[in-house]
């Protein structure tokens, strides 16, 4: 299995006044297939693999994509059990590479936000320097495009291209940056939309209302100075 480096993108929505960050907005065809809106449980989903691929319907959907592939027509002769077995192999391979923590993805996105980087630059090296940063409505996008080698009796059948996408739509956030670290945030709910597709066919798709003030623990803060060095080269 080959695993290209995941990418994070952050964009400002048209309705806001926040200057657009340096990342480009990602656009593409609208995902097909049924969407499931998860009811808010006591604890939010933590990782992508459990959230999106924990659905029992994902394996049959993955198997159906495989047997419908133009280069795997002979697999259409397989029985339902064999198809589902291949689907479970595909889902298992994806689970091993898309275990990213949802909150960590949000941390990474904010660590690259231009307004926060500016505040980090102004306060770094000063013990009591502090800036309040108001981030208007914005969006953070995570994409990952692994490939999956499918085997039948230890023989490679074909290589499937998958796409994992997670989008955070976030309302206004008031953040405090102190001495180059993001130490406090105040925010309402963020809507998280996630999908996994294989060969452009969606096998899992969900949304979740994420209460940021309840799940986002800064602990010692996010060190924006490191992100600032990465950003400036």
C-alpha atoms as a PDB file:
ATOM      1  CA  UNK A   1       0.000   0.000   0.000  1.00  0.00           C
ATOM      2  CA  UNK A   2       1.336   3.467  -0.805  1.00  0.00           C
ATOM      3  CA  UNK A   3       0.357   6.406   1.351  1.00  0.00           C
ATOM      4  CA  UNK A   4       0.830   9.937   0.002  1.00  0.00           C
ATOM      5  CA  UNK A   5       1.300  12.667   2.591  1.00  0.00           C
ATOM      6  CA  UNK A   6      -2.050  14.015   3.865  1.00  0.00           C
ATOM      7  CA  UNK A   7      -2.736  17.691   3.263  1.00  0.00           C
ATOM      8  CA  UNK A   8      -4.514  20.276   5.360  1.00  0.00           C
ATOM      9  CA  UNK A   9      -6.175  23.293   3.793  1.00  0.00           C
ATOM     10  CA  UNK A  10      -7.822  26.234   5.490  1.00  0.00           C
ATOM     11  CA  UNK A  11     -10.079  28.732   3.772  1.00  0.00           C
ATOM     12  CA  UNK A  12     -12.216  31.682   4.736  1.00  0.00           C
ATOM     13  CA  UNK A  13     -15.824  31.482   3.657  1.00  0.00           C
ATOM     14  CA  UNK A  14     -17.145  34.284   1.385  1.00  0.00           C
ATOM     15  CA  UNK A  15     -19.455  35.674   4.073  1.00  0.00           C
ATOM     16  CA  UNK A  16     -16.639  36.551   6.467  1.00  0.00           C
ATOM     17  CA  UNK A  17     -14.311  39.509   6.740  1.00  0.00           C
ATOM     18  CA  UNK A  18     -11.244  37.509   7.730  1.00  0.00           C
ATOM     19  CA  UNK A  19      -8.484  37.754   5.110  1.00  0.00           C
ATOM     20  CA  UNK A  20      -8.083  34.508   3.224  1.00  0.00           C
ATOM     21  CA  UNK A  21      -5.284  32.267   4.555  1.00  0.00           C
ATOM     22  CA  UNK A  22      -2.577  31.122   2.208  1.00  0.00           C
ATOM     23  CA  UNK A  23      -4.111  27.733   1.497  1.00  0.00           C
ATOM     24  CA  UNK A  24      -6.245  27.311  -1.598  1.00  0.00           C
ATOM     25  CA  UNK A  25      -9.850  26.294  -1.272  1.00  0.00           C
ATOM     26  CA  UNK A  26     -10.428  22.752  -2.404  1.00  0.00           C
ATOM     27  CA  UNK A  27     -13.330  22.123  -4.716  1.00  0.00           C
ATOM     28  CA  UNK A  28     -14.600  19.053  -6.464  1.00  0.00           C
ATOM     29  CA  UNK A  29     -17.664  17.084  -7.474  1.00  0.00           C
ATOM     30  CA  UNK A  30     -20.312  16.660  -4.867  1.00  0.00           C
ATOM     31  CA  UNK A  31     -20.129  13.310  -3.094  1.00  0.00           C
ATOM     32  CA  UNK A  32     -22.804  10.812  -4.009  1.00  0.00           C
ATOM     33  CA  UNK A  33     -24.448   8.226  -1.831  1.00  0.00           C
ATOM     34  CA  UNK A  34     -26.526   8.384   1.339  1.00  0.00           C
ATOM     35  CA  UNK A  35     -25.293  10.660   4.082  1.00  0.00           C
ATOM     36  CA  UNK A  36     -25.686   9.722   7.709  1.00  0.00           C
ATOM     37  CA  UNK A  37     -25.890  12.424  10.350  1.00  0.00           C
ATOM     38  CA  UNK A  38     -24.657  10.987  13.592  1.00  0.00           C
ATOM     39  CA  UNK A  39     -26.669  11.982  16.673  1.00  0.00           C
ATOM     40  CA  UNK A  40     -24.551  13.735  19.260  1.00  0.00           C
ATOM     41  CA  UNK A  41     -23.438  11.078  21.770  1.00  0.00           C
ATOM     42  CA  UNK A  42     -21.883  11.810  25.163  1.00  0.00           C
ATOM     43  CA  UNK A  43     -18.416  11.648  23.627  1.00  0.00           C
ATOM     44  CA  UNK A  44     -17.550  12.875  20.113  1.00  0.00           C
ATOM     45  CA  UNK A  45     -15.890  10.640  17.517  1.00  0.00           C
ATOM     46  CA  UNK A  46     -12.158  10.700  18.030  1.00  0.00           C
ATOM     47  CA  UNK A  47     -10.574   9.177  14.921  1.00  0.00           C
ATOM     48  CA  UNK A  48     -11.531   8.989  11.267  1.00  0.00           C
ATOM     49  CA  UNK A  49     -11.250   5.213  10.976  1.00  0.00           C
ATOM     50  CA  UNK A  50     -13.747   4.506  13.768  1.00  0.00           C
ATOM     51  CA  UNK A  51     -16.094   7.306  12.760  1.00  0.00           C
ATOM     52  CA  UNK A  52     -16.317   6.598   9.044  1.00  0.00           C
ATOM     53  CA  UNK A  53     -15.277   2.969   8.597  1.00  0.00           C
ATOM     54  CA  UNK A  54     -16.934   1.565  11.706  1.00  0.00           C
ATOM     55  CA  UNK A  55     -20.212   1.358   9.795  1.00  0.00           C
ATOM     56  CA  UNK A  56     -20.926  -2.315   8.890  1.00  0.00           C
ATOM     57  CA  UNK A  57     -22.194  -1.127   5.491  1.00  0.00           C
ATOM     58  CA  UNK A  58     -18.722   0.133   4.486  1.00  0.00           C
ATOM     59  CA  UNK A  59     -17.279  -3.315   3.686  1.00  0.00           C
ATOM     60  CA  UNK A  60     -20.108  -4.422   1.365  1.00  0.00           C
ATOM     61  CA  UNK A  61     -19.939  -1.031  -0.363  1.00  0.00           C
ATOM     62  CA  UNK A  62     -16.186  -1.409  -0.859  1.00  0.00           C
ATOM     63  CA  UNK A  63     -16.633  -4.924  -2.228  1.00  0.00           C
ATOM     64  CA  UNK A  64     -19.275  -3.702  -4.672  1.00  0.00           C
ATOM     65  CA  UNK A  65     -16.910  -1.024  -5.984  1.00  0.00           C
ATOM     66  CA  UNK A  66     -14.225  -3.629  -6.549  1.00  0.00           C
ATOM     67  CA  UNK A  67     -16.339  -6.125  -8.505  1.00  0.00           C
ATOM     68  CA  UNK A  68     -17.780  -3.324 -10.659  1.00  0.00           C
ATOM     69  CA  UNK A  69     -14.328  -2.121 -11.678  1.00  0.00           C
ATOM     70  CA  UNK A  70     -13.742  -2.510 -15.472  1.00  0.00           C
ATOM     71  CA  UNK A  71     -10.459  -4.313 -14.832  1.00  0.00           C
ATOM     72  CA  UNK A  72     -11.976  -6.783 -12.366  1.00  0.00           C
ATOM     73  CA  UNK A  73     -14.941  -8.104 -14.299  1.00  0.00           C
ATOM     74  CA  UNK A  74     -14.114 -11.708 -13.474  1.00  0.00           C
ATOM     75  CA  UNK A  75     -14.712 -10.920  -9.811  1.00  0.00           C
ATOM     76  CA  UNK A  76     -18.356 -10.356 -10.645  1.00  0.00           C
ATOM     77  CA  UNK A  77     -18.666 -14.157 -10.659  1.00  0.00           C
ATOM     78  CA  UNK A  78     -17.777 -14.347  -6.977  1.00  0.00           C
ATOM     79  CA  UNK A  79     -20.465 -15.100  -4.444  1.00  0.00           C
ATOM     80  CA  UNK A  80     -21.690 -12.541  -1.910  1.00  0.00           C
ATOM     81  CA  UNK A  81     -19.509 -13.923   0.898  1.00  0.00           C
ATOM     82  CA  UNK A  82     -16.360 -13.635  -1.216  1.00  0.00           C
ATOM     83  CA  UNK A  83     -17.243 -10.091  -2.235  1.00  0.00           C
ATOM     84  CA  UNK A  84     -17.776  -9.045   1.357  1.00  0.00           C
ATOM     85  CA  UNK A  85     -14.480 -10.679   2.322  1.00  0.00           C
ATOM     86  CA  UNK A  86     -12.675  -8.567  -0.275  1.00  0.00           C
ATOM     87  CA  UNK A  87     -14.559  -5.509   0.968  1.00  0.00           C
ATOM     88  CA  UNK A  88     -13.403  -6.171   4.539  1.00  0.00           C
ATOM     89  CA  UNK A  89      -9.826  -6.418   3.292  1.00  0.00           C
ATOM     90  CA  UNK A  90     -10.137  -3.016   1.645  1.00  0.00           C
ATOM     91  CA  UNK A  91     -11.735  -1.435   4.723  1.00  0.00           C
ATOM     92  CA  UNK A  92      -9.081  -2.980   6.969  1.00  0.00           C
ATOM     93  CA  UNK A  93      -6.309  -1.553   4.785  1.00  0.00           C
ATOM     94  CA  UNK A  94      -7.900   1.898   4.919  1.00  0.00           C
ATOM     95  CA  UNK A  95      -8.387   1.729   8.686  1.00  0.00           C
ATOM     96  CA  UNK A  96      -4.656   1.207   9.110  1.00  0.00           C
ATOM     97  CA  UNK A  97      -3.824   4.507   7.420  1.00  0.00           C
ATOM     98  CA  UNK A  98      -6.667   6.887   8.282  1.00  0.00           C
ATOM     99  CA  UNK A  99      -6.627   6.761  12.076  1.00  0.00           C
ATOM    100  CA  UNK A 100      -6.080  10.504  12.425  1.00  0.00           C
ATOM    101  CA  UNK A 101      -7.618  12.130  15.508  1.00  0.00           C
ATOM    102  CA  UNK A 102     -10.316  14.651  14.519  1.00  0.00           C
ATOM    103  CA  UNK A 103      -9.381  17.173  17.202  1.00  0.00           C
ATOM    104  CA  UNK A 104      -5.698  16.890  16.286  1.00  0.00           C
ATOM    105  CA  UNK A 105      -6.602  17.736  12.688  1.00  0.00           C
ATOM    106  CA  UNK A 106      -8.331  20.865  13.943  1.00  0.00           C
ATOM    107  CA  UNK A 107      -5.266  21.754  15.999  1.00  0.00           C
ATOM    108  CA  UNK A 108      -3.062  21.369  12.914  1.00  0.00           C
ATOM    109  CA  UNK A 109      -5.354  23.567  10.865  1.00  0.00           C
ATOM    110  CA  UNK A 110      -5.406  26.336  13.439  1.00  0.00           C
ATOM    111  CA  UNK A 111      -1.634  26.103  13.882  1.00  0.00           C
ATOM    112  CA  UNK A 112      -1.325  27.260  10.245  1.00  0.00           C
ATOM    113  CA  UNK A 113      -3.859  30.089  10.407  1.00  0.00           C
ATOM    114  CA  UNK A 114      -2.379  33.374   9.238  1.00  0.00           C
ATOM    115  CA  UNK A 115      -3.925  35.493  12.023  1.00  0.00           C
ATOM    116  CA  UNK A 116      -2.612  33.147  14.715  1.00  0.00           C
ATOM    117  CA  UNK A 117       0.835  33.044  13.116  1.00  0.00           C
ATOM    118  CA  UNK A 118       0.928  36.840  13.143  1.00  0.00           C
ATOM    119  CA  UNK A 119       0.045  36.882  16.836  1.00  0.00           C
ATOM    120  CA  UNK A 120       2.705  34.244  17.504  1.00  0.00           C
ATOM    121  CA  UNK A 121       5.326  36.341  15.736  1.00  0.00           C
ATOM    122  CA  UNK A 122       4.391  39.401  17.812  1.00  0.00           C
ATOM    123  CA  UNK A 123       4.407  37.635  21.177  1.00  0.00           C
ATOM    124  CA  UNK A 124       7.173  35.031  20.819  1.00  0.00           C
ATOM    125  CA  UNK A 125      10.011  35.537  23.265  1.00  0.00           C
ATOM    126  CA  UNK A 126       8.006  37.826  25.570  1.00  0.00           C
ATOM    127  CA  UNK A 127       6.880  36.122  28.768  1.00  0.00           C
ATOM    128  CA  UNK A 128       3.704  38.142  29.307  1.00  0.00           C
ATOM    129  CA  UNK A 129       2.908  39.313  25.776  1.00  0.00           C
ATOM    130  CA  UNK A 130      -0.638  38.405  24.778  1.00  0.00           C
ATOM    131  CA  UNK A 131      -2.886  38.958  21.773  1.00  0.00           C
ATOM    132  CA  UNK A 132      -6.592  38.288  21.345  1.00  0.00           C
ATOM    133  CA  UNK A 133      -7.311  36.973  17.854  1.00  0.00           C
ATOM    134  CA  UNK A 134     -10.812  36.924  16.422  1.00  0.00           C
ATOM    135  CA  UNK A 135     -11.203  34.344  13.683  1.00  0.00           C
ATOM    136  CA  UNK A 136     -14.385  34.783  11.678  1.00  0.00           C
ATOM    137  CA  UNK A 137     -16.336  31.903  10.163  1.00  0.00           C
ATOM    138  CA  UNK A 138     -13.823  29.669   8.425  1.00  0.00           C
ATOM    139  CA  UNK A 139     -13.239  26.204   7.022  1.00  0.00           C
ATOM    140  CA  UNK A 140     -10.448  23.669   7.449  1.00  0.00           C
ATOM    141  CA  UNK A 141     -10.126  20.767   5.026  1.00  0.00           C
ATOM    142  CA  UNK A 142      -8.124  17.572   5.438  1.00  0.00           C
ATOM    143  CA  UNK A 143      -7.558  15.293   2.441  1.00  0.00           C
ATOM    144  CA  UNK A 144      -5.716  12.006   2.093  1.00  0.00           C
ATOM    145  CA  UNK A 145      -5.474   9.887  -1.061  1.00  0.00           C
ATOM    146  CA  UNK A 146      -4.021   6.431  -0.321  1.00  0.00           C
ATOM    147  CA  UNK A 147      -3.954   3.542  -2.766  1.00  0.00           C
ATOM    148  CA  UNK A 148      -5.015   0.028  -1.851  1.00  0.00           C
ATOM    149  CA  UNK A 149      -3.536  -3.134  -3.393  1.00  0.00           C
ATOM    150  CA  UNK A 150      -6.269  -5.775  -3.650  1.00  0.00           C
ATOM    151  CA  UNK A 151      -5.251  -9.427  -3.506  1.00  0.00           C
ATOM    152  CA  UNK A 152      -7.121 -12.604  -4.418  1.00  0.00           C
ATOM    153  CA  UNK A 153      -5.359 -15.839  -3.393  1.00  0.00           C
ATOM    154  CA  UNK A 154      -2.205 -13.774  -2.840  1.00  0.00           C
ATOM    155  CA  UNK A 155      -2.314 -12.484  -6.405  1.00  0.00           C
ATOM    156  CA  UNK A 156      -2.673  -8.767  -7.010  1.00  0.00           C
ATOM    157  CA  UNK A 157      -5.930  -8.038  -8.785  1.00  0.00           C
ATOM    158  CA  UNK A 158      -5.651  -4.271  -9.160  1.00  0.00           C
ATOM    159  CA  UNK A 159      -4.769  -1.091  -7.310  1.00  0.00           C
ATOM    160  CA  UNK A 160      -7.670   1.022  -6.093  1.00  0.00           C
ATOM    161  CA  UNK A 161      -7.460   4.768  -5.482  1.00  0.00           C
ATOM    162  CA  UNK A 162      -9.199   6.013  -2.343  1.00  0.00           C
ATOM    163  CA  UNK A 163      -9.930   9.499  -1.073  1.00  0.00           C
ATOM    164  CA  UNK A 164     -10.540  10.565   2.511  1.00  0.00           C
ATOM    165  CA  UNK A 165     -11.890  14.047   3.131  1.00  0.00           C
ATOM    166  CA  UNK A 166     -12.787  15.772   6.393  1.00  0.00           C
ATOM    167  CA  UNK A 167     -14.144  19.339   6.389  1.00  0.00           C
ATOM    168  CA  UNK A 168     -14.590  21.503   9.495  1.00  0.00           C
ATOM    169  CA  UNK A 169     -17.064  24.391   9.114  1.00  0.00           C
ATOM    170  CA  UNK A 170     -16.369  26.588  12.121  1.00  0.00           C
ATOM    171  CA  UNK A 171     -18.140  29.665  13.432  1.00  0.00           C
ATOM    172  CA  UNK A 172     -16.429  32.641  15.030  1.00  0.00           C
ATOM    173  CA  UNK A 173     -13.547  31.746  17.326  1.00  0.00           C
ATOM    174  CA  UNK A 174     -11.944  34.063  19.888  1.00  0.00           C
ATOM    175  CA  UNK A 175      -8.412  32.873  20.593  1.00  0.00           C
ATOM    176  CA  UNK A 176      -5.704  34.038  22.982  1.00  0.00           C
ATOM    177  CA  UNK A 177      -2.068  33.760  21.945  1.00  0.00           C
ATOM    178  CA  UNK A 178       0.510  34.220  24.698  1.00  0.00           C
ATOM    179  CA  UNK A 179       4.278  34.043  24.214  1.00  0.00           C
ATOM    180  CA  UNK A 180       3.911  32.379  20.858  1.00  0.00           C
ATOM    181  CA  UNK A 181       1.437  29.741  22.045  1.00  0.00           C
ATOM    182  CA  UNK A 182      -2.295  29.349  21.467  1.00  0.00           C
ATOM    183  CA  UNK A 183      -3.461  29.036  25.090  1.00  0.00           C
ATOM    184  CA  UNK A 184      -7.223  29.639  25.033  1.00  0.00           C
ATOM    185  CA  UNK A 185     -10.181  29.502  22.677  1.00  0.00           C
ATOM    186  CA  UNK A 186     -13.834  30.362  22.910  1.00  0.00           C
ATOM    187  CA  UNK A 187     -16.076  28.857  20.258  1.00  0.00           C
ATOM    188  CA  UNK A 188     -19.456  27.333  19.680  1.00  0.00           C
ATOM    189  CA  UNK A 189     -20.232  24.267  17.611  1.00  0.00           C
ATOM    190  CA  UNK A 190     -18.396  23.234  14.470  1.00  0.00           C
ATOM    191  CA  UNK A 191     -19.914  20.996  11.827  1.00  0.00           C
ATOM    192  CA  UNK A 192     -17.602  18.199  10.741  1.00  0.00           C
ATOM    193  CA  UNK A 193     -18.285  16.434   7.429  1.00  0.00           C
ATOM    194  CA  UNK A 194     -16.343  13.329   6.510  1.00  0.00           C
ATOM    195  CA  UNK A 195     -16.359  10.982   3.542  1.00  0.00           C
ATOM    196  CA  UNK A 196     -14.358   8.093   2.142  1.00  0.00           C
ATOM    197  CA  UNK A 197     -14.588   7.127  -1.513  1.00  0.00           C
ATOM    198  CA  UNK A 198     -12.987   4.437  -3.645  1.00  0.00           C
ATOM    199  CA  UNK A 199     -12.599   5.043  -7.364  1.00  0.00           C
ATOM    200  CA  UNK A 200     -14.839   8.121  -6.934  1.00  0.00           C
ATOM    201  CA  UNK A 201     -17.646   6.066  -5.356  1.00  0.00           C
ATOM    202  CA  UNK A 202     -18.543   6.968  -1.773  1.00  0.00           C
ATOM    203  CA  UNK A 203     -18.509   4.048   0.679  1.00  0.00           C
ATOM    204  CA  UNK A 204     -18.933   6.069   3.900  1.00  0.00           C
ATOM    205  CA  UNK A 205     -20.195   9.565   4.627  1.00  0.00           C
ATOM    206  CA  UNK A 206     -21.159  11.229   7.914  1.00  0.00           C
ATOM    207  CA  UNK A 207     -21.591  14.610   9.588  1.00  0.00           C
ATOM    208  CA  UNK A 208     -21.225  15.577  13.234  1.00  0.00           C
ATOM    209  CA  UNK A 209     -21.877  18.716  15.300  1.00  0.00           C
ATOM    210  CA  UNK A 210     -18.695  19.139  17.327  1.00  0.00           C
ATOM    211  CA  UNK A 211     -19.024  21.258  20.514  1.00  0.00           C
ATOM    212  CA  UNK A 212     -15.584  22.848  20.491  1.00  0.00           C
ATOM    213  CA  UNK A 213     -15.789  24.330  23.970  1.00  0.00           C
ATOM    214  CA  UNK A 214     -16.364  20.842  25.379  1.00  0.00           C
ATOM    215  CA  UNK A 215     -13.846  18.735  23.478  1.00  0.00           C
ATOM    216  CA  UNK A 216     -10.957  21.042  22.638  1.00  0.00           C
ATOM    217  CA  UNK A 217      -8.408  20.803  25.446  1.00  0.00           C
ATOM    218  CA  UNK A 218      -5.383  23.006  24.938  1.00  0.00           C
ATOM    219  CA  UNK A 219      -3.472  21.670  27.954  1.00  0.00           C
ATOM    220  CA  UNK A 220      -0.166  23.548  27.722  1.00  0.00           C
ATOM    221  CA  UNK A 221      -1.238  25.284  24.532  1.00  0.00           C
ATOM    222  CA  UNK A 222      -0.294  24.837  20.891  1.00  0.00           C
ATOM    223  CA  UNK A 223       3.240  25.968  20.105  1.00  0.00           C
ATOM    224  CA  UNK A 224       2.680  28.259  17.127  1.00  0.00           C
ATOM    225  CA  UNK A 225       6.353  29.160  16.946  1.00  0.00           C
ATOM    226  CA  UNK A 226       7.149  25.773  15.414  1.00  0.00           C
ATOM    227  CA  UNK A 227       4.398  26.250  12.831  1.00  0.00           C
ATOM    228  CA  UNK A 228       5.750  29.734  12.162  1.00  0.00           C
ATOM    229  CA  UNK A 229       9.187  28.300  11.351  1.00  0.00           C
ATOM    230  CA  UNK A 230       7.631  25.729   9.028  1.00  0.00           C
ATOM    231  CA  UNK A 231       5.559  28.431   7.336  1.00  0.00           C
ATOM    232  CA  UNK A 232       8.504  30.755   6.735  1.00  0.00           C
ATOM    233  CA  UNK A 233      10.841  27.965   5.699  1.00  0.00           C
END
